[in-house]
Amino acid sequence: MQSERSLIPTPMPVRRHARSGNRGLALTALCLAVLLVVMDNTIVNVAIPTMSDALNASSTDLQWVVDAYTLSFAALLLPAGKLSDRWGRRRMLLVGLAGFAVVSAATAFSWALWQLVTLRVVLGGLRRADLSGDTVVNHRHLRRLQVP
């Protein structure tokens, strides 16, 4: 028979990785990473008239340009979270940001509508990959910065 004392769970020790100076820097970097979503969508919405003229795109085509990003972003919510758990959130954040920068540059030089839509799908997937890492890391840093 087990004693009552052995049934009580013992608290896990709290690990402190970052010094207080690094916490603010990490939080700032993560907030800047989240800013990419807003900037990317704003840039596309501002550039719609120019894209329509340059690519001879209809309103349906332009809707695909805008929604391809959001569609892949939403579709990869669960798989990106699973990969973040498996590979690590920091690694997913770094891979997602690096991939986002490369594909974003390629998107700027796309000359056909199918390229633009395809690259926007990839951008949404990469953004989901790094956002799955940085939201959890951001939550951890916010919790550490709270005053007891």
Foldseek 3Di string as FASTA:
>chain_A
DDDPVVVDDDDDDDDDDDDPVVLVVLLVVLVVLVVVVVVVLVVLVVCLVVCCVQAVDDPVLSVLLNCLLVVLLVVCQVVLLVVCVVVNLVVQLVQLVVVLVVLVVVLVPDRYSVSSSVSSNVNSNSSSNNVSSSVVVSVVSVVVPDDD
